[in-house]
């Protein structure tokens, strides 16, 4: 149970962090247990974490502010082990270096600074930047769909995450559609050149019939199936030309 002093201190800090949140940081206490805080760090620009959304917890001791909290990160991130206490100068691993004047904002700002560095400590892991970027891209979906604590503490962010995921999906589908159209137009141009190379009228008619069949199939299919169909058509044209020789 939190001491009266600890409750007053954390209540005041919550008010301060709501009014003046540190850059890239959101933090709220659990409504039924003020010693347990949930935070969200947004990956800063020009880092491997850019655009990522990292959820974790601060568990304060009843002696706060005279003793430091336990710090964990829940969202897979490539820098820290998930759900593992982190050994930092402002965590419960080092009560000897703790300063009672430090606040929730101070702790999370320090965590963000350490996260974007490359120092190793207990609870940290080694991954490349590519892996960190991949996890950053997946972080919102993880939090919104697989992270029950995040869903409970940040329902508005869950809603926004799902909207962002749907928008990204629509953008990707639009790009894929544009790519299919580009490939189709390119194949049509190549097909016209191939037909012009056939001199025999009967062979040309047969090739045009194959072309029409292929066009119909391309119109009803997408992606690989369309491209594979066109490959068979090219093979047929090559065989016809070889027969003419």
C-alpha atoms as a PDB file:
ATOM      1  CA  UNK A   1       0.000   0.000   0.000  1.00  0.00           C
ATOM      2  CA  UNK A   2       1.266   3.447  -0.893  1.00  0.00           C
ATOM      3  CA  UNK A   3       2.151   5.871   1.848  1.00  0.00           C
ATOM      4  CA  UNK A   4       0.148   9.053   2.115  1.00  0.00           C
ATOM      5  CA  UNK A   5       3.185  10.990   0.956  1.00  0.00           C
ATOM      6  CA  UNK A   6       3.624   8.692  -2.025  1.00  0.00           C
ATOM      7  CA  UNK A   7      -0.025   9.043  -3.047  1.00  0.00           C
ATOM      8  CA  UNK A   8       0.167  12.826  -2.870  1.00  0.00           C
ATOM      9  CA  UNK A   9       3.398  12.863  -4.821  1.00  0.00           C
ATOM     10  CA  UNK A  10       2.148  10.584  -7.611  1.00  0.00           C
ATOM     11  CA  UNK A  11      -1.179  12.415  -7.829  1.00  0.00           C
ATOM     12  CA  UNK A  12       0.689  15.679  -8.281  1.00  0.00           C
ATOM     13  CA  UNK A  13       2.997  14.144 -10.878  1.00  0.00           C
ATOM     14  CA  UNK A  14       0.053  12.808 -12.855  1.00  0.00           C
ATOM     15  CA  UNK A  15      -1.452  16.275 -12.983  1.00  0.00           C
ATOM     16  CA  UNK A  16       1.862  17.735 -14.133  1.00  0.00           C
ATOM     17  CA  UNK A  17       2.481  15.112 -16.809  1.00  0.00           C
ATOM     18  CA  UNK A  18      -1.032  15.598 -18.206  1.00  0.00           C
ATOM     19  CA  UNK A  19      -0.569  19.355 -18.409  1.00  0.00           C
ATOM     20  CA  UNK A  20       2.976  19.241 -19.745  1.00  0.00           C
ATOM     21  CA  UNK A  21       3.851  15.792 -21.146  1.00  0.00           C
ATOM     22  CA  UNK A  22       7.487  15.163 -22.100  1.00  0.00           C
ATOM     23  CA  UNK A  23       8.154  14.732 -25.848  1.00  0.00           C
ATOM     24  CA  UNK A  24       7.170  11.282 -27.178  1.00  0.00           C
ATOM     25  CA  UNK A  25       5.852  10.150 -23.764  1.00  0.00           C
ATOM     26  CA  UNK A  26       2.412   9.378 -22.317  1.00  0.00           C
ATOM     27  CA  UNK A  27       1.904   7.996 -18.812  1.00  0.00           C
ATOM     28  CA  UNK A  28      -1.101   7.217 -16.606  1.00  0.00           C
ATOM     29  CA  UNK A  29      -1.568   5.482 -13.242  1.00  0.00           C
ATOM     30  CA  UNK A  30      -3.871   2.502 -12.873  1.00  0.00           C
ATOM     31  CA  UNK A  31      -7.187   3.813 -11.598  1.00  0.00           C
ATOM     32  CA  UNK A  32      -7.325   1.225  -8.790  1.00  0.00           C
ATOM     33  CA  UNK A  33      -3.652   1.178  -7.852  1.00  0.00           C
ATOM     34  CA  UNK A  34      -1.710   4.418  -8.055  1.00  0.00           C
ATOM     35  CA  UNK A  35       1.654   2.686  -7.575  1.00  0.00           C
ATOM     36  CA  UNK A  36       1.279   0.965 -10.965  1.00  0.00           C
ATOM     37  CA  UNK A  37       1.752   3.270 -13.961  1.00  0.00           C
ATOM     38  CA  UNK A  38       1.501   2.478 -17.654  1.00  0.00           C
ATOM     39  CA  UNK A  39       3.498   4.474 -20.175  1.00  0.00           C
ATOM     40  CA  UNK A  40       3.665   4.731 -23.949  1.00  0.00           C
ATOM     41  CA  UNK A  41       6.806   5.902 -25.721  1.00  0.00           C
ATOM     42  CA  UNK A  42       6.508   6.974 -29.355  1.00  0.00           C
ATOM     43  CA  UNK A  43       9.664   6.229 -31.333  1.00  0.00           C
ATOM     44  CA  UNK A  44      11.430   9.517 -32.168  1.00  0.00           C
ATOM     45  CA  UNK A  45      12.299  10.523 -35.751  1.00  0.00           C
ATOM     46  CA  UNK A  46      15.700   9.601 -37.166  1.00  0.00           C
ATOM     47  CA  UNK A  47      15.971   6.509 -34.967  1.00  0.00           C
ATOM     48  CA  UNK A  48      15.285   2.817 -35.721  1.00  0.00           C
ATOM     49  CA  UNK A  49      12.217   3.187 -33.490  1.00  0.00           C
ATOM     50  CA  UNK A  50      10.627   5.960 -35.558  1.00  0.00           C
ATOM     51  CA  UNK A  51       6.847   5.610 -35.639  1.00  0.00           C
ATOM     52  CA  UNK A  52       6.903   2.753 -33.134  1.00  0.00           C
ATOM     53  CA  UNK A  53       4.630   2.618 -30.106  1.00  0.00           C
ATOM     54  CA  UNK A  54       6.159   1.104 -26.976  1.00  0.00           C
ATOM     55  CA  UNK A  55       4.064   0.260 -23.939  1.00  0.00           C
ATOM     56  CA  UNK A  56       5.474  -0.566 -20.539  1.00  0.00           C
ATOM     57  CA  UNK A  57       5.010  -0.230 -16.789  1.00  0.00           C
ATOM     58  CA  UNK A  58       6.468   1.527 -13.770  1.00  0.00           C
ATOM     59  CA  UNK A  59       5.805  -0.184 -10.444  1.00  0.00           C
ATOM     60  CA  UNK A  60       6.568   2.164  -7.568  1.00  0.00           C
ATOM     61  CA  UNK A  61       7.390   0.908  -4.068  1.00  0.00           C
ATOM     62  CA  UNK A  62       5.335   1.992  -1.106  1.00  0.00           C
ATOM     63  CA  UNK A  63       8.360   4.050  -0.011  1.00  0.00           C
ATOM     64  CA  UNK A  64       8.263   6.250  -3.118  1.00  0.00           C
ATOM     65  CA  UNK A  65       9.645   8.895  -3.608  1.00  0.00           C
ATOM     66  CA  UNK A  66      12.509   7.627  -1.444  1.00  0.00           C
ATOM     67  CA  UNK A  67      12.963   4.429  -3.445  1.00  0.00           C
ATOM     68  CA  UNK A  68      12.894   3.931  -7.252  1.00  0.00           C
ATOM     69  CA  UNK A  69      10.360   1.975  -9.337  1.00  0.00           C
ATOM     70  CA  UNK A  70      10.717  -1.270 -11.265  1.00  0.00           C
ATOM     71  CA  UNK A  71      10.716  -0.541 -14.997  1.00  0.00           C
ATOM     72  CA  UNK A  72       9.504  -2.917 -17.715  1.00  0.00           C
ATOM     73  CA  UNK A  73       8.683  -2.681 -21.416  1.00  0.00           C
ATOM     74  CA  UNK A  74       5.907  -4.890 -22.781  1.00  0.00           C
ATOM     75  CA  UNK A  75       5.812  -4.149 -26.520  1.00  0.00           C
ATOM     76  CA  UNK A  76       8.458  -6.066 -28.563  1.00  0.00           C
ATOM     77  CA  UNK A  77      11.055  -3.454 -29.450  1.00  0.00           C
ATOM     78  CA  UNK A  78      14.464  -4.948 -30.231  1.00  0.00           C
ATOM     79  CA  UNK A  79      16.197  -3.047 -27.405  1.00  0.00           C
ATOM     80  CA  UNK A  80      14.820  -4.602 -24.220  1.00  0.00           C
ATOM     81  CA  UNK A  81      13.453  -8.000 -23.277  1.00  0.00           C
ATOM     82  CA  UNK A  82       9.687  -7.890 -22.935  1.00  0.00           C
ATOM     83  CA  UNK A  83       8.188  -7.954 -19.433  1.00  0.00           C
ATOM     84  CA  UNK A  84      11.626  -7.928 -17.831  1.00  0.00           C
ATOM     85  CA  UNK A  85      12.891  -5.604 -15.103  1.00  0.00           C
ATOM     86  CA  UNK A  86      15.440  -3.219 -16.555  1.00  0.00           C
ATOM     87  CA  UNK A  87      18.677  -2.353 -14.817  1.00  0.00           C
ATOM     88  CA  UNK A  88      18.928   1.422 -15.095  1.00  0.00           C
ATOM     89  CA  UNK A  89      20.278   4.138 -12.823  1.00  0.00           C
ATOM     90  CA  UNK A  90      16.709   5.278 -12.062  1.00  0.00           C
ATOM     91  CA  UNK A  91      15.257   1.777 -11.535  1.00  0.00           C
ATOM     92  CA  UNK A  92      14.982  -0.470  -8.494  1.00  0.00           C
ATOM     93  CA  UNK A  93      18.234  -2.166  -9.527  1.00  0.00           C
ATOM     94  CA  UNK A  94      20.126   0.871  -8.213  1.00  0.00           C
ATOM     95  CA  UNK A  95      18.478   2.327  -5.111  1.00  0.00           C
ATOM     96  CA  UNK A  96      21.885   3.757  -4.173  1.00  0.00           C
ATOM     97  CA  UNK A  97      21.872   6.098  -7.191  1.00  0.00           C
ATOM     98  CA  UNK A  98      18.213   7.086  -6.870  1.00  0.00           C
ATOM     99  CA  UNK A  99      17.368  10.744  -6.310  1.00  0.00           C
ATOM    100  CA  UNK A 100      14.015  11.436  -4.562  1.00  0.00           C
ATOM    101  CA  UNK A 101      13.611  14.597  -6.617  1.00  0.00           C
ATOM    102  CA  UNK A 102      13.272  12.528  -9.800  1.00  0.00           C
ATOM    103  CA  UNK A 103       9.739  12.181 -11.121  1.00  0.00           C
ATOM    104  CA  UNK A 104       7.755   9.993 -13.521  1.00  0.00           C
ATOM    105  CA  UNK A 105       8.667  12.413 -16.312  1.00  0.00           C
ATOM    106  CA  UNK A 106      12.358  12.238 -15.347  1.00  0.00           C
ATOM    107  CA  UNK A 107      12.307   8.431 -15.261  1.00  0.00           C
ATOM    108  CA  UNK A 108      10.628   8.026 -18.652  1.00  0.00           C
ATOM    109  CA  UNK A 109      12.784  10.683 -20.303  1.00  0.00           C
ATOM    110  CA  UNK A 110      15.831   8.790 -19.049  1.00  0.00           C
ATOM    111  CA  UNK A 111      14.380   5.508 -20.306  1.00  0.00           C
ATOM    112  CA  UNK A 112      13.827   6.988 -23.768  1.00  0.00           C
ATOM    113  CA  UNK A 113      17.373   8.350 -23.837  1.00  0.00           C
ATOM    114  CA  UNK A 114      18.806   4.960 -22.873  1.00  0.00           C
ATOM    115  CA  UNK A 115      16.577   3.189 -25.389  1.00  0.00           C
ATOM    116  CA  UNK A 116      17.904   5.223 -28.323  1.00  0.00           C
ATOM    117  CA  UNK A 117      21.510   4.621 -27.269  1.00  0.00           C
ATOM    118  CA  UNK A 118      23.546   1.439 -27.570  1.00  0.00           C
ATOM    119  CA  UNK A 119      24.680   0.776 -23.997  1.00  0.00           C
ATOM    120  CA  UNK A 120      23.996  -2.702 -22.671  1.00  0.00           C
ATOM    121  CA  UNK A 121      22.542  -3.589 -19.291  1.00  0.00           C
ATOM    122  CA  UNK A 122      20.566  -6.317 -17.561  1.00  0.00           C
ATOM    123  CA  UNK A 123      17.329  -6.664 -19.507  1.00  0.00           C
ATOM    124  CA  UNK A 124      18.675  -5.253 -22.782  1.00  0.00           C
ATOM    125  CA  UNK A 125      19.172  -7.267 -25.984  1.00  0.00           C
ATOM    126  CA  UNK A 126      21.222  -6.932 -29.174  1.00  0.00           C
ATOM    127  CA  UNK A 127      19.379  -6.614 -32.505  1.00  0.00           C
ATOM    128  CA  UNK A 128      20.130  -4.795 -35.741  1.00  0.00           C
ATOM    129  CA  UNK A 129      18.427  -1.620 -36.901  1.00  0.00           C
ATOM    130  CA  UNK A 130      16.446  -3.551 -39.515  1.00  0.00           C
ATOM    131  CA  UNK A 131      14.870  -5.702 -36.796  1.00  0.00           C
ATOM    132  CA  UNK A 132      14.085  -2.641 -34.681  1.00  0.00           C
ATOM    133  CA  UNK A 133      12.385  -0.952 -37.649  1.00  0.00           C
ATOM    134  CA  UNK A 134      10.380  -4.091 -38.383  1.00  0.00           C
ATOM    135  CA  UNK A 135       9.165  -4.248 -34.784  1.00  0.00           C
ATOM    136  CA  UNK A 136       8.366  -0.525 -34.896  1.00  0.00           C
ATOM    137  CA  UNK A 137       6.091  -1.119 -37.892  1.00  0.00           C
ATOM    138  CA  UNK A 138       4.366  -3.990 -36.096  1.00  0.00           C
ATOM    139  CA  UNK A 139       4.075  -2.291 -32.703  1.00  0.00           C
ATOM    140  CA  UNK A 140       0.691  -0.610 -33.155  1.00  0.00           C
ATOM    141  CA  UNK A 141      -0.933  -3.812 -34.354  1.00  0.00           C
ATOM    142  CA  UNK A 142       0.620  -5.708 -31.453  1.00  0.00           C
ATOM    143  CA  UNK A 143      -0.640  -3.214 -28.891  1.00  0.00           C
ATOM    144  CA  UNK A 144      -4.131  -2.970 -30.379  1.00  0.00           C
ATOM    145  CA  UNK A 145      -4.670  -6.692 -30.953  1.00  0.00           C
ATOM    146  CA  UNK A 146      -2.388  -8.680 -28.644  1.00  0.00           C
ATOM    147  CA  UNK A 147      -1.652  -6.470 -25.638  1.00  0.00           C
ATOM    148  CA  UNK A 148      -4.543  -6.743 -23.175  1.00  0.00           C
ATOM    149  CA  UNK A 149      -3.023  -4.313 -20.666  1.00  0.00           C
ATOM    150  CA  UNK A 150      -2.627  -1.692 -23.389  1.00  0.00           C
ATOM    151  CA  UNK A 151      -6.214  -2.250 -24.503  1.00  0.00           C
ATOM    152  CA  UNK A 152      -7.413  -1.674 -20.951  1.00  0.00           C
ATOM    153  CA  UNK A 153      -5.317   1.410 -20.209  1.00  0.00           C
ATOM    154  CA  UNK A 154      -5.360   3.177 -23.585  1.00  0.00           C
ATOM    155  CA  UNK A 155      -8.703   2.516 -25.365  1.00  0.00           C
ATOM    156  CA  UNK A 156      -8.436   5.714 -27.411  1.00  0.00           C
ATOM    157  CA  UNK A 157      -5.026   4.688 -28.724  1.00  0.00           C
ATOM    158  CA  UNK A 158      -6.401   1.247 -29.567  1.00  0.00           C
ATOM    159  CA  UNK A 159      -9.102   2.866 -31.694  1.00  0.00           C
ATOM    160  CA  UNK A 160      -6.588   5.121 -33.435  1.00  0.00           C
ATOM    161  CA  UNK A 161      -4.191   2.215 -34.002  1.00  0.00           C
ATOM    162  CA  UNK A 162      -6.904   0.165 -35.700  1.00  0.00           C
ATOM    163  CA  UNK A 163      -7.813   3.134 -37.903  1.00  0.00           C
ATOM    164  CA  UNK A 164      -4.150   3.622 -38.851  1.00  0.00           C
ATOM    165  CA  UNK A 165      -3.781  -0.086 -39.622  1.00  0.00           C
ATOM    166  CA  UNK A 166      -6.837  -0.032 -41.888  1.00  0.00           C
ATOM    167  CA  UNK A 167      -5.582   3.092 -43.668  1.00  0.00           C
ATOM    168  CA  UNK A 168      -2.164   1.497 -44.233  1.00  0.00           C
ATOM    169  CA  UNK A 169      -3.872  -1.600 -45.609  1.00  0.00           C
ATOM    170  CA  UNK A 170      -5.873   0.491 -48.080  1.00  0.00           C
ATOM    171  CA  UNK A 171      -2.738   2.337 -49.185  1.00  0.00           C
ATOM    172  CA  UNK A 172      -0.895  -0.956 -49.757  1.00  0.00           C
ATOM    173  CA  UNK A 173      -3.827  -2.372 -51.732  1.00  0.00           C
ATOM    174  CA  UNK A 174      -3.897   0.767 -53.878  1.00  0.00           C
ATOM    175  CA  UNK A 175      -0.161   0.467 -54.553  1.00  0.00           C
ATOM    176  CA  UNK A 176      -0.552  -3.208 -55.440  1.00  0.00           C
ATOM    177  CA  UNK A 177      -3.392  -2.379 -57.824  1.00  0.00           C
ATOM    178  CA  UNK A 178      -1.303   0.332 -59.493  1.00  0.00           C
ATOM    179  CA  UNK A 179       1.606  -2.102 -59.845  1.00  0.00           C
ATOM    180  CA  UNK A 180      -0.647  -4.724 -61.443  1.00  0.00           C
ATOM    181  CA  UNK A 181      -1.934  -2.142 -63.918  1.00  0.00           C
ATOM    182  CA  UNK A 182       1.615  -1.033 -64.724  1.00  0.00           C
ATOM    183  CA  UNK A 183       2.703  -4.631 -65.326  1.00  0.00           C
ATOM    184  CA  UNK A 184      -0.368  -5.294 -67.468  1.00  0.00           C
ATOM    185  CA  UNK A 185       0.251  -2.198 -69.627  1.00  0.00           C
ATOM    186  CA  UNK A 186       3.896  -3.163 -70.006  1.00  0.00           C
ATOM    187  CA  UNK A 187       2.984  -6.689 -71.096  1.00  0.00           C
ATOM    188  CA  UNK A 188       0.461  -5.318 -73.582  1.00  0.00           C
ATOM    189  CA  UNK A 189       3.194  -3.262 -75.250  1.00  0.00           C
ATOM    190  CA  UNK A 190       5.515  -6.263 -75.400  1.00  0.00           C
ATOM    191  CA  UNK A 191       2.690  -8.371 -76.789  1.00  0.00           C
ATOM    192  CA  UNK A 192       2.071  -5.911 -79.624  1.00  0.00           C
ATOM    193  CA  UNK A 193       5.733  -6.090 -80.639  1.00  0.00           C
ATOM    194  CA  UNK A 194       5.646  -9.901 -80.577  1.00  0.00           C
ATOM    195  CA  UNK A 195       2.551 -10.039 -82.806  1.00  0.00           C
ATOM    196  CA  UNK A 196       4.153  -7.715 -85.342  1.00  0.00           C
ATOM    197  CA  UNK A 197       6.978 -10.218 -85.779  1.00  0.00           C
ATOM    198  CA  UNK A 198       4.610 -12.931 -87.069  1.00  0.00           C
ATOM    199  CA  UNK A 199       4.379 -12.690 -90.862  1.00  0.00           C
ATOM    200  CA  UNK A 200       2.142 -15.646 -91.718  1.00  0.00           C
ATOM    201  CA  UNK A 201      -1.575 -14.545 -91.602  1.00  0.00           C
ATOM    202  CA  UNK A 202      -2.836 -17.847 -90.163  1.00  0.00           C
ATOM    203  CA  UNK A 203      -0.182 -17.886 -87.466  1.00  0.00           C
ATOM    204  CA  UNK A 204      -1.030 -14.288 -86.627  1.00  0.00           C
ATOM    205  CA  UNK A 205      -4.729 -15.175 -86.233  1.00  0.00           C
ATOM    206  CA  UNK A 206      -3.879 -18.045 -83.904  1.00  0.00           C
ATOM    207  CA  UNK A 207      -1.581 -15.785 -81.886  1.00  0.00           C
ATOM    208  CA  UNK A 208      -4.269 -13.090 -81.649  1.00  0.00           C
ATOM    209  CA  UNK A 209      -6.778 -15.654 -80.371  1.00  0.00           C
ATOM    210  CA  UNK A 210      -4.287 -16.712 -77.728  1.00  0.00           C
ATOM    211  CA  UNK A 211      -3.765 -13.038 -76.919  1.00  0.00           C
ATOM    212  CA  UNK A 212      -7.492 -12.504 -76.425  1.00  0.00           C
ATOM    213  CA  UNK A 213      -7.735 -15.525 -74.131  1.00  0.00           C
ATOM    214  CA  UNK A 214      -4.790 -14.282 -72.157  1.00  0.00           C
ATOM    215  CA  UNK A 215      -6.290 -10.791 -71.906  1.00  0.00           C
ATOM    216  CA  UNK A 216      -9.546 -12.196 -70.544  1.00  0.00           C
ATOM    217  CA  UNK A 217      -7.657 -14.216 -67.976  1.00  0.00           C
ATOM    218  CA  UNK A 218      -5.570 -11.233 -66.926  1.00  0.00           C
ATOM    219  CA  UNK A 219      -8.733  -9.209 -66.431  1.00  0.00           C
ATOM    220  CA  UNK A 220     -10.240 -11.820 -64.100  1.00  0.00           C
ATOM    221  CA  UNK A 221      -7.093 -12.594 -62.110  1.00  0.00           C
ATOM    222  CA  UNK A 222      -4.469 -10.534 -60.327  1.00  0.00           C
ATOM    223  CA  UNK A 223      -0.840 -10.655 -59.329  1.00  0.00           C
ATOM    224  CA  UNK A 224       1.076 -13.827 -60.044  1.00  0.00           C
ATOM    225  CA  UNK A 225      -1.687 -15.748 -61.760  1.00  0.00           C
ATOM    226  CA  UNK A 226      -1.942 -13.046 -64.440  1.00  0.00           C
ATOM    227  CA  UNK A 227       1.800 -12.887 -64.963  1.00  0.00           C
ATOM    228  CA  UNK A 228       2.094 -16.681 -65.178  1.00  0.00           C
ATOM    229  CA  UNK A 229      -0.659 -16.751 -67.811  1.00  0.00           C
ATOM    230  CA  UNK A 230       1.212 -14.189 -69.873  1.00  0.00           C
ATOM    231  CA  UNK A 231       4.378 -16.280 -69.580  1.00  0.00           C
ATOM    232  CA  UNK A 232       2.556 -19.202 -71.204  1.00  0.00           C
ATOM    233  CA  UNK A 233       1.423 -16.896 -73.991  1.00  0.00           C
ATOM    234  CA  UNK A 234       4.987 -15.726 -74.657  1.00  0.00           C
ATOM    235  CA  UNK A 235       6.071 -19.363 -74.790  1.00  0.00           C
ATOM    236  CA  UNK A 236       3.352 -20.089 -77.376  1.00  0.00           C
ATOM    237  CA  UNK A 237       4.506 -17.158 -79.529  1.00  0.00           C
ATOM    238  CA  UNK A 238       8.108 -18.344 -79.371  1.00  0.00           C
ATOM    239  CA  UNK A 239       7.071 -21.839 -80.461  1.00  0.00           C
ATOM    240  CA  UNK A 240       5.113 -20.431 -83.413  1.00  0.00           C
ATOM    241  CA  UNK A 241       8.089 -18.351 -84.532  1.00  0.00           C
ATOM    242  CA  UNK A 242      10.385 -21.364 -84.189  1.00  0.00           C
ATOM    243  CA  UNK A 243       8.019 -23.420 -86.367  1.00  0.00           C
ATOM    244  CA  UNK A 244       8.098 -20.717 -89.056  1.00  0.00           C
ATOM    245  CA  UNK A 245      11.856 -21.033 -89.182  1.00  0.00           C
END
